[in-house]
Amino acid sequence: MTESSPSQESALKRRREELRLTQRDVAVGVDVSVQTVSNWETGRYKEAKLTLPQVKALCRVLQWSIEELPDELGPVE
């Protein structure tokens, strides 16, 4: 398994690591599986379908305003 360079790392993963959160912490806070969070971070879920309560929860967990939430959760291509 190779590590991605910082430019290819997802904003979600960077923010999660800045806050010293695990994928499990995010998953529990948003009520999704750990695998879903992993998929967001690696870009395997290109079109994440989140409910409004899940979007709000993601913002709370990551301490982001809705404006700061990236349009793409996966890595920058």
PDB file of N, CA and C in Angstrom:
ATOM      1  N   MET A   1       0.848  -1.186   0.000  1.00  0.00           N
ATOM      2  CA  MET A   1       0.000   0.000   0.000  1.00  0.00           C
ATOM      3  C   MET A   1       0.887   1.241   0.000  1.00  0.00           C
ATOM      4  N   THR A   2       0.658   2.130  -0.905  1.00  0.00           N
ATOM      5  CA  THR A   2       1.485   3.325  -0.992  1.00  0.00           C
ATOM      6  C   THR A   2       0.783   4.502  -0.346  1.00  0.00           C
ATOM      7  N   GLU A   3       1.593   5.416   0.186  1.00  0.00           N
ATOM      8  CA  GLU A   3       1.029   6.616   0.776  1.00  0.00           C
ATOM      9  C   GLU A   3       0.813   7.642  -0.319  1.00  0.00           C
ATOM     10  N   SER A   4      -0.270   8.410  -0.213  1.00  0.00           N
ATOM     11  CA  SER A   4      -0.508   9.433  -1.206  1.00  0.00           C
ATOM     12  C   SER A   4       0.251  10.691  -0.806  1.00  0.00           C
ATOM     13  N   SER A   5       0.638  11.457  -1.794  1.00  0.00           N
ATOM     14  CA  SER A   5       1.333  12.708  -1.510  1.00  0.00           C
ATOM     15  C   SER A   5       0.336  13.705  -0.946  1.00  0.00           C
ATOM     16  N   PRO A   6       0.819  14.722  -0.217  1.00  0.00           N
ATOM     17  CA  PRO A   6      -0.106  15.686   0.376  1.00  0.00           C
ATOM     18  C   PRO A   6      -1.045  16.332  -0.631  1.00  0.00           C
ATOM     19  N   SER A   7      -0.593  16.563  -1.879  1.00  0.00           N
ATOM     20  CA  SER A   7      -1.462  17.195  -2.864  1.00  0.00           C
ATOM     21  C   SER A   7      -2.581  16.257  -3.312  1.00  0.00           C
ATOM     22  N   GLN A   8      -2.362  14.949  -3.183  1.00  0.00           N
ATOM     23  CA  GLN A   8      -3.387  13.990  -3.582  1.00  0.00           C
ATOM     24  C   GLN A   8      -4.225  13.535  -2.389  1.00  0.00           C
ATOM     25  N   GLU A   9      -3.883  13.982  -1.203  1.00  0.00           N
ATOM     26  CA  GLU A   9      -4.613  13.588  -0.011  1.00  0.00           C
ATOM     27  C   GLU A   9      -5.939  14.347   0.029  1.00  0.00           C
ATOM     28  N   SER A  10      -6.966  13.693   0.503  1.00  0.00           N
ATOM     29  CA  SER A  10      -8.271  14.355   0.549  1.00  0.00           C
ATOM     30  C   SER A  10      -8.302  15.393   1.662  1.00  0.00           C
ATOM     31  N   ALA A  11      -9.094  16.436   1.431  1.00  0.00           N
ATOM     32  CA  ALA A  11      -9.276  17.477   2.440  1.00  0.00           C
ATOM     33  C   ALA A  11      -9.897  16.874   3.700  1.00  0.00           C
ATOM     34  N   LEU A  12     -10.766  15.904   3.512  1.00  0.00           N
ATOM     35  CA  LEU A  12     -11.396  15.228   4.642  1.00  0.00           C
ATOM     36  C   LEU A  12     -10.349  14.530   5.511  1.00  0.00           C
ATOM     37  N   LYS A  13      -9.447  13.802   4.882  1.00  0.00           N
ATOM     38  CA  LYS A  13      -8.415  13.088   5.638  1.00  0.00           C
ATOM     39  C   LYS A  13      -7.483  14.073   6.340  1.00  0.00           C
ATOM     40  N   ARG A  14      -7.071  15.123   5.636  1.00  0.00           N
ATOM     41  CA  ARG A  14      -6.189  16.128   6.264  1.00  0.00           C
ATOM     42  C   ARG A  14      -6.851  16.728   7.492  1.00  0.00           C
ATOM     43  N   ARG A  15      -8.115  17.108   7.348  1.00  0.00           N
ATOM     44  CA  ARG A  15      -8.834  17.730   8.468  1.00  0.00           C
ATOM     45  C   ARG A  15      -9.001  16.740   9.618  1.00  0.00           C
ATOM     46  N   ARG A  16      -9.345  15.508   9.291  1.00  0.00           N
ATOM     47  CA  ARG A  16      -9.522  14.482  10.322  1.00  0.00           C
ATOM     48  C   ARG A  16      -8.230  14.296  11.108  1.00  0.00           C
ATOM     49  N   GLU A  17      -7.111  14.227  10.392  1.00  0.00           N
ATOM     50  CA  GLU A  17      -5.825  14.044  11.056  1.00  0.00           C
ATOM     51  C   GLU A  17      -5.411  15.275  11.856  1.00  0.00           C
ATOM     52  N   GLU A  18      -5.720  16.487  11.355  1.00  0.00           N
ATOM     53  CA  GLU A  18      -5.442  17.721  12.106  1.00  0.00           C
ATOM     54  C   GLU A  18      -6.136  17.690  13.463  1.00  0.00           C
ATOM     55  N   LEU A  19      -7.350  17.167  13.473  1.00  0.00           N
ATOM     56  CA  LEU A  19      -8.147  17.110  14.700  1.00  0.00           C
ATOM     57  C   LEU A  19      -7.857  15.851  15.527  1.00  0.00           C
ATOM     58  N   ARG A  20      -6.932  15.032  15.025  1.00  0.00           N
ATOM     59  CA  ARG A  20      -6.544  13.779  15.685  1.00  0.00           C
ATOM     60  C   ARG A  20      -7.744  12.852  15.884  1.00  0.00           C
ATOM     61  N   LEU A  21      -8.557  12.772  14.841  1.00  0.00           N
ATOM     62  CA  LEU A  21      -9.711  11.888  14.854  1.00  0.00           C
ATOM     63  C   LEU A  21      -9.398  10.643  14.036  1.00  0.00           C
ATOM     64  N   THR A  22     -10.001   9.547  14.407  1.00  0.00           N
ATOM     65  CA  THR A  22      -9.878   8.327  13.614  1.00  0.00           C
ATOM     66  C   THR A  22     -11.027   8.283  12.609  1.00  0.00           C
ATOM     67  N   GLN A  23     -10.897   7.402  11.635  1.00  0.00           N
ATOM     68  CA  GLN A  23     -12.010   7.206  10.707  1.00  0.00           C
ATOM     69  C   GLN A  23     -13.238   6.746  11.477  1.00  0.00           C
ATOM     70  N   ARG A  24     -13.014   5.960  12.510  1.00  0.00           N
ATOM     71  CA  ARG A  24     -14.132   5.488  13.340  1.00  0.00           C
ATOM     72  C   ARG A  24     -14.839   6.651  14.032  1.00  0.00           C
ATOM     73  N   ASP A  25     -14.067   7.621  14.543  1.00  0.00           N
ATOM     74  CA  ASP A  25     -14.670   8.801  15.182  1.00  0.00           C
ATOM     75  C   ASP A  25     -15.607   9.516  14.216  1.00  0.00           C
ATOM     76  N   VAL A  26     -15.144   9.699  12.991  1.00  0.00           N
ATOM     77  CA  VAL A  26     -15.961  10.381  11.978  1.00  0.00           C
ATOM     78  C   VAL A  26     -17.180   9.534  11.636  1.00  0.00           C
ATOM     79  N   ALA A  27     -16.960   8.242  11.438  1.00  0.00           N
ATOM     80  CA  ALA A  27     -18.056   7.339  11.075  1.00  0.00           C
ATOM     81  C   ALA A  27     -19.157   7.348  12.131  1.00  0.00           C
ATOM     82  N   VAL A  28     -18.782   7.266  13.384  1.00  0.00           N
ATOM     83  CA  VAL A  28     -19.767   7.262  14.473  1.00  0.00           C
ATOM     84  C   VAL A  28     -20.507   8.604  14.519  1.00  0.00           C
ATOM     85  N   GLY A  29     -19.771   9.693  14.349  1.00  0.00           N
ATOM     86  CA  GLY A  29     -20.379  11.026  14.401  1.00  0.00           C
ATOM     87  C   GLY A  29     -21.355  11.294  13.275  1.00  0.00           C
ATOM     88  N   VAL A  30     -21.115  10.674  12.122  1.00  0.00           N
ATOM     89  CA  VAL A  30     -21.953  10.922  10.945  1.00  0.00           C
ATOM     90  C   VAL A  30     -22.967   9.796  10.732  1.00  0.00           C
ATOM     91  N   ASP A  31     -22.813   8.710  11.478  1.00  0.00           N
ATOM     92  CA  ASP A  31     -23.689   7.543  11.373  1.00  0.00           C
ATOM     93  C   ASP A  31     -23.537   6.847  10.021  1.00  0.00           C
ATOM     94  N   VAL A  32     -22.262   6.601   9.655  1.00  0.00           N
ATOM     95  CA  VAL A  32     -21.932   5.801   8.478  1.00  0.00           C
ATOM     96  C   VAL A  32     -20.897   4.773   8.914  1.00  0.00           C
ATOM     97  N   SER A  33     -20.545   3.861   8.030  1.00  0.00           N
ATOM     98  CA  SER A  33     -19.542   2.856   8.368  1.00  0.00           C
ATOM     99  C   SER A  33     -18.131   3.440   8.228  1.00  0.00           C
ATOM    100  N   VAL A  34     -17.186   2.799   8.907  1.00  0.00           N
ATOM    101  CA  VAL A  34     -15.779   3.182   8.778  1.00  0.00           C
ATOM    102  C   VAL A  34     -15.346   3.020   7.324  1.00  0.00           C
ATOM    103  N   GLN A  35     -15.843   1.983   6.660  1.00  0.00           N
ATOM    104  CA  GLN A  35     -15.512   1.757   5.255  1.00  0.00           C
ATOM    105  C   GLN A  35     -15.986   2.920   4.387  1.00  0.00           C
ATOM    106  N   THR A  36     -17.126   3.492   4.706  1.00  0.00           N
ATOM    107  CA  THR A  36     -17.631   4.636   3.957  1.00  0.00           C
ATOM    108  C   THR A  36     -16.685   5.820   4.092  1.00  0.00           C
ATOM    109  N   VAL A  37     -16.219   6.095   5.303  1.00  0.00           N
ATOM    110  CA  VAL A  37     -15.271   7.194   5.522  1.00  0.00           C
ATOM    111  C   VAL A  37     -13.984   6.925   4.738  1.00  0.00           C
ATOM    112  N   SER A  38     -13.506   5.697   4.785  1.00  0.00           N
ATOM    113  CA  SER A  38     -12.314   5.324   4.016  1.00  0.00           C
ATOM    114  C   SER A  38     -12.538   5.546   2.531  1.00  0.00           C
ATOM    115  N   ASN A  39     -13.710   5.159   2.045  1.00  0.00           N
ATOM    116  CA  ASN A  39     -14.039   5.348   0.624  1.00  0.00           C
ATOM    117  C   ASN A  39     -14.076   6.824   0.256  1.00  0.00           C
ATOM    118  N   TRP A  40     -14.613   7.672   1.126  1.00  0.00           N
ATOM    119  CA  TRP A  40     -14.622   9.113   0.862  1.00  0.00           C
ATOM    120  C   TRP A  40     -13.190   9.616   0.720  1.00  0.00           C
ATOM    121  N   GLU A  41     -12.341   9.203   1.650  1.00  0.00           N
ATOM    122  CA  GLU A  41     -10.967   9.706   1.673  1.00  0.00           C
ATOM    123  C   GLU A  41     -10.147   9.253   0.473  1.00  0.00           C
ATOM    124  N   THR A  42     -10.439   8.087  -0.053  1.00  0.00           N
ATOM    125  CA  THR A  42      -9.669   7.566  -1.185  1.00  0.00           C
ATOM    126  C   THR A  42     -10.318   7.862  -2.527  1.00  0.00           C
ATOM    127  N   GLY A  43     -11.498   8.452  -2.507  1.00  0.00           N
ATOM    128  CA  GLY A  43     -12.179   8.799  -3.752  1.00  0.00           C
ATOM    129  C   GLY A  43     -12.966   7.660  -4.368  1.00  0.00           C
ATOM    130  N   ARG A  44     -13.145   6.581  -3.619  1.00  0.00           N
ATOM    131  CA  ARG A  44     -13.929   5.462  -4.165  1.00  0.00           C
ATOM    132  C   ARG A  44     -15.419   5.775  -4.205  1.00  0.00           C
ATOM    133  N   TYR A  45     -15.836   6.720  -3.397  1.00  0.00           N
ATOM    134  CA  TYR A  45     -17.219   7.206  -3.461  1.00  0.00           C
ATOM    135  C   TYR A  45     -17.163   8.565  -4.113  1.00  0.00           C
ATOM    136  N   LYS A  46     -17.286   8.613  -5.412  1.00  0.00           N
ATOM    137  CA  LYS A  46     -17.202   9.886  -6.123  1.00  0.00           C
ATOM    138  C   LYS A  46     -18.388  10.787  -5.789  1.00  0.00           C
ATOM    139  N   GLU A  47     -19.543  10.192  -5.635  1.00  0.00           N
ATOM    140  CA  GLU A  47     -20.741  10.976  -5.349  1.00  0.00           C
ATOM    141  C   GLU A  47     -21.350  10.507  -4.046  1.00  0.00           C
ATOM    142  N   ALA A  48     -20.842  11.043  -2.952  1.00  0.00           N
ATOM    143  CA  ALA A  48     -21.364  10.677  -1.640  1.00  0.00           C
ATOM    144  C   ALA A  48     -22.788  11.197  -1.510  1.00  0.00           C
ATOM    145  N   LYS A  49     -23.686  10.337  -1.121  1.00  0.00           N
ATOM    146  CA  LYS A  49     -25.083  10.715  -0.925  1.00  0.00           C
ATOM    147  C   LYS A  49     -25.337  10.831   0.577  1.00  0.00           C
ATOM    148  N   LEU A  50     -25.198  12.045   1.071  1.00  0.00           N
ATOM    149  CA  LEU A  50     -25.403  12.292   2.493  1.00  0.00           C
ATOM    150  C   LEU A  50     -26.743  12.976   2.710  1.00  0.00           C
ATOM    151  N   THR A  51     -27.403  12.613   3.790  1.00  0.00           N
ATOM    152  CA  THR A  51     -28.624  13.319   4.169  1.00  0.00           C
ATOM    153  C   THR A  51     -28.221  14.652   4.797  1.00  0.00           C
ATOM    154  N   LEU A  52     -29.149  15.567   4.898  1.00  0.00           N
ATOM    155  CA  LEU A  52     -28.855  16.856   5.520  1.00  0.00           C
ATOM    156  C   LEU A  52     -28.371  16.674   6.957  1.00  0.00           C
ATOM    157  N   PRO A  53     -28.999  15.815   7.776  1.00  0.00           N
ATOM    158  CA  PRO A  53     -28.482  15.602   9.128  1.00  0.00           C
ATOM    159  C   PRO A  53     -27.036  15.056   9.119  1.00  0.00           C
ATOM    160  N   GLN A  54     -26.695  14.221   8.130  1.00  0.00           N
ATOM    161  CA  GLN A  54     -25.329  13.697   8.041  1.00  0.00           C
ATOM    162  C   GLN A  54     -24.347  14.798   7.647  1.00  0.00           C
ATOM    163  N   VAL A  55     -24.744  15.686   6.749  1.00  0.00           N
ATOM    164  CA  VAL A  55     -23.886  16.811   6.369  1.00  0.00           C
ATOM    165  C   VAL A  55     -23.629  17.686   7.592  1.00  0.00           C
ATOM    166  N   LYS A  56     -24.691  17.973   8.342  1.00  0.00           N
ATOM    167  CA  LYS A  56     -24.533  18.776   9.560  1.00  0.00           C
ATOM    168  C   LYS A  56     -23.616  18.080  10.555  1.00  0.00           C
ATOM    169  N   ALA A  57     -23.789  16.775  10.717  1.00  0.00           N
ATOM    170  CA  ALA A  57     -22.950  16.009  11.640  1.00  0.00           C
ATOM    171  C   ALA A  57     -21.493  16.025  11.187  1.00  0.00           C
ATOM    172  N   LEU A  58     -21.257  15.892   9.879  1.00  0.00           N
ATOM    173  CA  LEU A  58     -19.895  15.920   9.357  1.00  0.00           C
ATOM    174  C   LEU A  58     -19.253  17.278   9.643  1.00  0.00           C
ATOM    175  N   CYS A  59     -20.002  18.330   9.462  1.00  0.00           N
ATOM    176  CA  CYS A  59     -19.498  19.669   9.770  1.00  0.00           C
ATOM    177  C   CYS A  59     -19.169  19.807  11.257  1.00  0.00           C
ATOM    178  N   ARG A  60     -20.034  19.279  12.100  1.00  0.00           N
ATOM    179  CA  ARG A  60     -19.779  19.342  13.548  1.00  0.00           C
ATOM    180  C   ARG A  60     -18.528  18.569  13.922  1.00  0.00           C
ATOM    181  N   VAL A  61     -18.433  17.322  13.429  1.00  0.00           N
ATOM    182  CA  VAL A  61     -17.303  16.452  13.769  1.00  0.00           C
ATOM    183  C   VAL A  61     -15.990  17.072  13.311  1.00  0.00           C
ATOM    184  N   LEU A  62     -15.985  17.635  12.104  1.00  0.00           N
ATOM    185  CA  LEU A  62     -14.747  18.186  11.542  1.00  0.00           C
ATOM    186  C   LEU A  62     -14.556  19.667  11.853  1.00  0.00           C
ATOM    187  N   GLN A  63     -15.502  20.236  12.605  1.00  0.00           N
ATOM    188  CA  GLN A  63     -15.437  21.643  13.006  1.00  0.00           C
ATOM    189  C   GLN A  63     -15.280  22.556  11.788  1.00  0.00           C
ATOM    190  N   TRP A  64     -16.086  22.286  10.785  1.00  0.00           N
ATOM    191  CA  TRP A  64     -16.118  23.067   9.562  1.00  0.00           C
ATOM    192  C   TRP A  64     -17.480  23.717   9.443  1.00  0.00           C
ATOM    193  N   SER A  65     -17.526  24.896   8.849  1.00  0.00           N
ATOM    194  CA  SER A  65     -18.824  25.466   8.478  1.00  0.00           C
ATOM    195  C   SER A  65     -19.239  24.791   7.170  1.00  0.00           C
ATOM    196  N   ILE A  66     -20.479  24.950   6.800  1.00  0.00           N
ATOM    197  CA  ILE A  66     -20.950  24.346   5.557  1.00  0.00           C
ATOM    198  C   ILE A  66     -20.164  24.892   4.364  1.00  0.00           C
ATOM    199  N   GLU A  67     -19.749  26.160   4.443  1.00  0.00           N
ATOM    200  CA  GLU A  67     -18.971  26.764   3.360  1.00  0.00           C
ATOM    201  C   GLU A  67     -17.579  26.141   3.253  1.00  0.00           C
ATOM    202  N   GLU A  68     -17.019  25.671   4.361  1.00  0.00           N
ATOM    203  CA  GLU A  68     -15.684  25.080   4.359  1.00  0.00           C
ATOM    204  C   GLU A  68     -15.686  23.623   3.905  1.00  0.00           C
ATOM    205  N   LEU A  69     -16.832  22.992   3.945  1.00  0.00           N
ATOM    206  CA  LEU A  69     -16.929  21.596   3.528  1.00  0.00           C
ATOM    207  C   LEU A  69     -16.589  21.499   2.045  1.00  0.00           C
ATOM    208  N   PRO A  70     -15.583  20.671   1.692  1.00  0.00           N
ATOM    209  CA  PRO A  70     -15.202  20.601   0.276  1.00  0.00           C
ATOM    210  C   PRO A  70     -16.289  19.978  -0.581  1.00  0.00           C
ATOM    211  N   ASP A  71     -16.355  20.398  -1.834  1.00  0.00           N
ATOM    212  CA  ASP A  71     -17.327  19.838  -2.767  1.00  0.00           C
ATOM    213  C   ASP A  71     -17.018  18.360  -3.017  1.00  0.00           C
ATOM    214  N   GLU A  72     -15.731  18.024  -3.068  1.00  0.00           N
ATOM    215  CA  GLU A  72     -15.281  16.647  -3.248  1.00  0.00           C
ATOM    216  C   GLU A  72     -14.652  16.176  -1.945  1.00  0.00           C
ATOM    217  N   LEU A  73     -15.068  15.024  -1.445  1.00  0.00           N
ATOM    218  CA  LEU A  73     -14.488  14.508  -0.206  1.00  0.00           C
ATOM    219  C   LEU A  73     -13.204  13.720  -0.475  1.00  0.00           C
ATOM    220  N   GLY A  74     -13.044  13.250  -1.688  1.00  0.00           N
ATOM    221  CA  GLY A  74     -11.877  12.426  -2.028  1.00  0.00           C
ATOM    222  C   GLY A  74     -10.646  13.264  -2.341  1.00  0.00           C
ATOM    223  N   PRO A  75      -9.563  12.588  -2.751  1.00  0.00           N
ATOM    224  CA  PRO A  75      -8.316  13.280  -3.059  1.00  0.00           C
ATOM    225  C   PRO A  75      -8.435  14.198  -4.271  1.00  0.00           C
ATOM    226  N   VAL A  76      -7.632  15.234  -4.263  1.00  0.00           N
ATOM    227  CA  VAL A  76      -7.571  16.150  -5.402  1.00  0.00           C
ATOM    228  C   VAL A  76      -6.847  15.446  -6.524  1.00  0.00           C
ATOM    229  N   GLU A  77      -7.409  15.481  -7.707  1.00  0.00           N
ATOM    230  CA  GLU A  77      -6.791  14.771  -8.838  1.00  0.00           C
ATOM    231  C   GLU A  77      -5.928  15.675  -9.673  1.00  0.00           C
TER     232      GLU A  77
END
